[in-house]
N, C-alpha and C. Protein backbone atom coordinates (compact mmCIF):
# COMPACT_ATOMS: atom_id res chain seq x y z
N MET A 1 92.34 439.29 225.68
CA MET A 1 91.65 438.34 224.83
C MET A 1 91.60 438.83 223.39
N ILE A 2 91.42 440.10 223.21
CA ILE A 2 91.40 440.65 221.85
C ILE A 2 92.76 440.44 221.19
N LEU A 3 93.82 440.61 221.95
CA LEU A 3 95.16 440.41 221.42
C LEU A 3 95.34 438.97 220.95
N LEU A 4 94.84 438.02 221.71
CA LEU A 4 94.93 436.62 221.32
C LEU A 4 94.15 436.36 220.03
N MET A 5 92.99 436.94 219.92
CA MET A 5 92.20 436.74 218.72
C MET A 5 92.91 437.35 217.51
N THR A 6 93.45 438.54 217.69
CA THR A 6 94.18 439.18 216.59
C THR A 6 95.39 438.34 216.22
N GLY A 7 96.11 437.85 217.22
CA GLY A 7 97.27 437.00 216.96
C GLY A 7 96.89 435.73 216.23
N SER A 8 95.74 435.17 216.55
CA SER A 8 95.28 433.96 215.87
C SER A 8 94.99 434.23 214.40
N LEU A 9 94.41 435.39 214.13
CA LEU A 9 94.12 435.73 212.75
C LEU A 9 95.41 435.90 211.95
N VAL A 10 96.39 436.53 212.55
CA VAL A 10 97.67 436.71 211.87
C VAL A 10 98.32 435.35 211.64
N LEU A 11 98.30 434.50 212.65
CA LEU A 11 98.87 433.17 212.52
C LEU A 11 98.17 432.37 211.43
N ALA A 12 96.86 432.47 211.39
CA ALA A 12 96.10 431.75 210.36
C ALA A 12 96.45 432.27 208.98
N ALA A 13 96.60 433.58 208.83
CA ALA A 13 96.95 434.14 207.53
C ALA A 13 98.32 433.67 207.11
N GLU A 14 99.26 433.63 208.04
CA GLU A 14 100.60 433.15 207.71
C GLU A 14 100.54 431.68 207.32
N SER A 15 99.71 430.92 207.97
CA SER A 15 99.58 429.51 207.66
C SER A 15 99.03 429.32 206.23
N HIS A 16 98.02 430.08 205.88
CA HIS A 16 97.48 429.99 204.52
C HIS A 16 98.52 430.46 203.51
N LYS A 17 99.24 431.51 203.84
CA LYS A 17 100.29 432.00 202.96
C LYS A 17 101.35 430.91 202.76
N ASP A 18 101.77 430.30 203.85
CA ASP A 18 102.78 429.23 203.77
C ASP A 18 102.31 428.06 202.92
N GLU A 19 101.06 427.66 203.11
CA GLU A 19 100.52 426.55 202.33
C GLU A 19 100.40 426.93 200.85
N ALA A 20 99.98 428.15 200.59
CA ALA A 20 99.88 428.61 199.20
C ALA A 20 101.25 428.60 198.55
N LEU A 21 102.25 429.05 199.28
CA LEU A 21 103.61 429.09 198.75
C LEU A 21 104.13 427.68 198.47
N LYS A 22 103.87 426.75 199.37
CA LYS A 22 104.30 425.36 199.16
C LYS A 22 103.68 424.78 197.89
N HIS A 23 102.39 425.00 197.73
CA HIS A 23 101.71 424.44 196.55
C HIS A 23 102.13 425.16 195.27
N ALA A 24 102.34 426.46 195.34
CA ALA A 24 102.78 427.19 194.15
C ALA A 24 104.18 426.72 193.73
N GLN A 25 105.05 426.49 194.70
CA GLN A 25 106.38 425.98 194.40
C GLN A 25 106.30 424.56 193.83
N ALA A 26 105.38 423.76 194.35
CA ALA A 26 105.19 422.41 193.81
C ALA A 26 104.66 422.47 192.37
N ALA A 27 103.84 423.47 192.07
CA ALA A 27 103.35 423.66 190.71
C ALA A 27 104.51 423.99 189.77
N VAL A 28 105.43 424.82 190.23
CA VAL A 28 106.61 425.16 189.43
C VAL A 28 107.43 423.90 189.18
N GLU A 29 107.64 423.10 190.22
CA GLU A 29 108.41 421.86 190.08
C GLU A 29 107.73 420.90 189.10
N ALA A 30 106.41 420.81 189.18
CA ALA A 30 105.68 419.95 188.25
C ALA A 30 105.87 420.42 186.81
N SER A 31 105.87 421.73 186.62
CA SER A 31 106.04 422.27 185.26
C SER A 31 107.42 421.94 184.71
N GLN A 32 108.42 421.92 185.58
CA GLN A 32 109.77 421.61 185.14
C GLN A 32 109.91 420.15 184.71
N LYS A 33 108.98 419.33 185.17
CA LYS A 33 108.95 417.91 184.78
C LYS A 33 108.01 417.69 183.59
N GLY A 34 107.39 418.77 183.11
CA GLY A 34 106.45 418.65 182.00
C GLY A 34 105.10 418.10 182.42
N ASP A 35 104.80 418.15 183.70
CA ASP A 35 103.58 417.57 184.26
C ASP A 35 102.49 418.64 184.39
N ALA A 36 101.76 418.87 183.30
CA ALA A 36 100.72 419.90 183.29
C ALA A 36 99.61 419.59 184.30
N LYS A 37 99.27 418.31 184.43
CA LYS A 37 98.23 417.92 185.39
C LYS A 37 98.67 418.25 186.82
N GLY A 38 99.93 418.00 187.12
CA GLY A 38 100.47 418.32 188.44
C GLY A 38 100.44 419.82 188.71
N VAL A 39 100.72 420.60 187.68
CA VAL A 39 100.65 422.06 187.83
C VAL A 39 99.23 422.46 188.21
N VAL A 40 98.25 421.91 187.51
CA VAL A 40 96.85 422.24 187.78
C VAL A 40 96.47 421.86 189.21
N GLU A 41 96.85 420.67 189.64
CA GLU A 41 96.50 420.22 190.99
C GLU A 41 97.08 421.14 192.05
N HIS A 42 98.37 421.46 191.93
CA HIS A 42 99.01 422.29 192.95
C HIS A 42 98.59 423.75 192.86
N ALA A 43 98.41 424.26 191.65
CA ALA A 43 97.98 425.65 191.50
C ALA A 43 96.56 425.83 192.05
N THR A 44 95.71 424.84 191.87
CA THR A 44 94.35 424.89 192.40
C THR A 44 94.37 424.91 193.93
N ALA A 45 95.20 424.05 194.51
CA ALA A 45 95.32 424.02 195.98
C ALA A 45 95.89 425.34 196.49
N ALA A 46 96.90 425.86 195.80
CA ALA A 46 97.50 427.13 196.20
C ALA A 46 96.46 428.24 196.15
N ARG A 47 95.63 428.23 195.11
CA ARG A 47 94.61 429.27 194.92
C ARG A 47 93.64 429.31 196.10
N GLU A 48 93.26 428.14 196.59
CA GLU A 48 92.34 428.09 197.74
C GLU A 48 92.96 428.77 198.96
N HIS A 49 94.24 428.53 199.19
CA HIS A 49 94.91 429.13 200.34
C HIS A 49 95.14 430.63 200.13
N VAL A 50 95.37 431.04 198.90
CA VAL A 50 95.53 432.47 198.60
C VAL A 50 94.24 433.22 198.91
N VAL A 51 93.11 432.64 198.52
CA VAL A 51 91.82 433.27 198.79
C VAL A 51 91.61 433.40 200.29
N ALA A 52 91.90 432.35 201.03
CA ALA A 52 91.73 432.38 202.49
C ALA A 52 92.67 433.40 203.14
N ALA A 53 93.91 433.44 202.69
CA ALA A 53 94.86 434.40 203.26
C ALA A 53 94.43 435.83 202.94
N GLY A 54 93.95 436.04 201.73
CA GLY A 54 93.50 437.37 201.34
C GLY A 54 92.29 437.85 202.12
N LYS A 55 91.43 436.93 202.54
CA LYS A 55 90.26 437.30 203.34
C LYS A 55 90.69 437.71 204.74
N GLU A 56 91.78 437.10 205.22
CA GLU A 56 92.25 437.40 206.57
C GLU A 56 93.14 438.64 206.61
N LYS A 57 93.84 438.88 205.52
CA LYS A 57 94.71 440.06 205.44
C LYS A 57 94.79 440.48 203.98
N ALA A 58 94.03 441.50 203.65
CA ALA A 58 93.96 441.97 202.26
C ALA A 58 95.33 442.47 201.79
N SER A 59 95.68 442.10 200.57
CA SER A 59 96.94 442.54 199.98
C SER A 59 96.84 442.42 198.46
N ALA A 60 97.40 443.40 197.78
CA ALA A 60 97.44 443.34 196.32
C ALA A 60 98.27 442.14 195.86
N HIS A 61 99.21 441.72 196.69
CA HIS A 61 100.04 440.57 196.31
C HIS A 61 99.21 439.28 196.29
N TYR A 62 98.26 439.14 197.21
CA TYR A 62 97.39 437.96 197.18
C TYR A 62 96.51 437.99 195.94
N GLU A 63 96.02 439.17 195.60
CA GLU A 63 95.19 439.29 194.38
C GLU A 63 96.01 438.91 193.14
N ALA A 64 97.23 439.43 193.07
CA ALA A 64 98.08 439.14 191.91
C ALA A 64 98.47 437.66 191.87
N ALA A 65 98.75 437.09 193.03
CA ALA A 65 99.09 435.66 193.08
C ALA A 65 97.90 434.83 192.61
N GLY A 66 96.70 435.21 193.01
CA GLY A 66 95.50 434.50 192.58
C GLY A 66 95.34 434.54 191.07
N LYS A 67 95.58 435.70 190.47
CA LYS A 67 95.47 435.82 189.02
C LYS A 67 96.53 434.97 188.32
N SER A 68 97.73 434.97 188.87
CA SER A 68 98.80 434.14 188.29
C SER A 68 98.46 432.66 188.39
N LEU A 69 97.89 432.26 189.52
CA LEU A 69 97.51 430.85 189.69
C LEU A 69 96.36 430.48 188.76
N ASP A 70 95.45 431.42 188.53
CA ASP A 70 94.39 431.16 187.55
C ASP A 70 95.00 430.89 186.17
N GLY A 71 96.01 431.68 185.83
CA GLY A 71 96.70 431.47 184.56
C GLY A 71 97.40 430.13 184.50
N ALA A 72 98.00 429.73 185.63
CA ALA A 72 98.67 428.43 185.69
C ALA A 72 97.67 427.30 185.46
N VAL A 73 96.52 427.41 186.07
CA VAL A 73 95.48 426.39 185.90
C VAL A 73 94.98 426.38 184.45
N GLU A 74 94.72 427.55 183.91
CA GLU A 74 94.22 427.65 182.54
C GLU A 74 95.20 427.01 181.55
N HIS A 75 96.47 427.37 181.64
CA HIS A 75 97.46 426.82 180.71
C HIS A 75 97.75 425.35 180.99
N GLY A 76 97.73 424.98 182.26
CA GLY A 76 97.92 423.57 182.59
C GLY A 76 96.82 422.70 182.00
N ASN A 77 95.59 423.20 182.05
CA ASN A 77 94.47 422.45 181.48
C ASN A 77 94.59 422.31 179.96
N MET A 78 95.35 423.21 179.34
CA MET A 78 95.58 423.11 177.90
C MET A 78 96.80 422.24 177.59
N GLY A 79 97.46 421.75 178.65
CA GLY A 79 98.63 420.92 178.45
C GLY A 79 99.93 421.69 178.28
N HIS A 80 99.89 422.99 178.53
CA HIS A 80 101.07 423.84 178.38
C HIS A 80 101.81 423.97 179.70
N ALA A 81 102.53 422.92 180.07
CA ALA A 81 103.21 422.91 181.37
C ALA A 81 104.23 424.04 181.51
N ASP A 82 104.92 424.37 180.43
CA ASP A 82 105.95 425.40 180.51
C ASP A 82 105.36 426.78 180.79
N ILE A 83 104.30 427.13 180.09
CA ILE A 83 103.65 428.43 180.30
C ILE A 83 102.97 428.45 181.67
N ALA A 84 102.34 427.35 182.04
CA ALA A 84 101.69 427.25 183.34
C ALA A 84 102.73 427.45 184.45
N GLY A 85 103.91 426.90 184.26
CA GLY A 85 104.98 427.04 185.24
C GLY A 85 105.42 428.48 185.41
N LYS A 86 105.45 429.24 184.32
CA LYS A 86 105.82 430.66 184.41
C LYS A 86 104.78 431.43 185.23
N SER A 87 103.53 431.08 185.05
CA SER A 87 102.47 431.72 185.84
C SER A 87 102.61 431.35 187.31
N ALA A 88 102.93 430.09 187.58
CA ALA A 88 103.14 429.65 188.96
C ALA A 88 104.34 430.36 189.58
N GLU A 89 105.39 430.57 188.79
CA GLU A 89 106.56 431.32 189.29
C GLU A 89 106.18 432.74 189.67
N GLU A 90 105.33 433.37 188.88
CA GLU A 90 104.85 434.71 189.21
C GLU A 90 104.10 434.69 190.54
N ALA A 91 103.29 433.65 190.74
CA ALA A 91 102.55 433.53 191.99
C ALA A 91 103.51 433.39 193.17
N VAL A 92 104.56 432.61 193.01
CA VAL A 92 105.56 432.45 194.08
C VAL A 92 106.16 433.80 194.43
N THR A 93 106.50 434.58 193.43
CA THR A 93 107.08 435.91 193.67
C THR A 93 106.13 436.79 194.46
N HIS A 94 104.85 436.80 194.09
CA HIS A 94 103.87 437.61 194.81
C HIS A 94 103.64 437.09 196.22
N LEU A 95 103.61 435.79 196.39
CA LEU A 95 103.40 435.24 197.73
C LEU A 95 104.56 435.57 198.66
N LYS A 96 105.77 435.55 198.14
CA LYS A 96 106.92 435.89 198.96
C LYS A 96 106.88 437.36 199.39
N ALA A 97 106.26 438.22 198.56
CA ALA A 97 106.17 439.64 198.87
C ALA A 97 104.95 439.99 199.72
N ALA A 98 104.01 439.06 199.83
CA ALA A 98 102.78 439.33 200.59
C ALA A 98 103.07 439.41 202.09
N PRO A 99 102.24 440.18 202.79
CA PRO A 99 102.45 440.33 204.25
C PRO A 99 102.13 439.07 205.02
């Protein structure tokens, strides 16, 4: 039973990681279209999943991805889709490297 519980936690962390990666990639795509609002929406959603994944499996990559997503949101809110997209790209890189 303990093995099942541990397996569930790993599965849940992978699920949050996958969702964070999908939203971070969508934020990058939005930035390529000049859609700063879209970057903010997807980066915010990605950030929620990064936090959840980090609680289930601590990693410096989740922390770094969270900081990059914060930057994407900040710049997106200023209407800087291009800079926000670069921050989202950094988040994608960290998420791909996360456990």
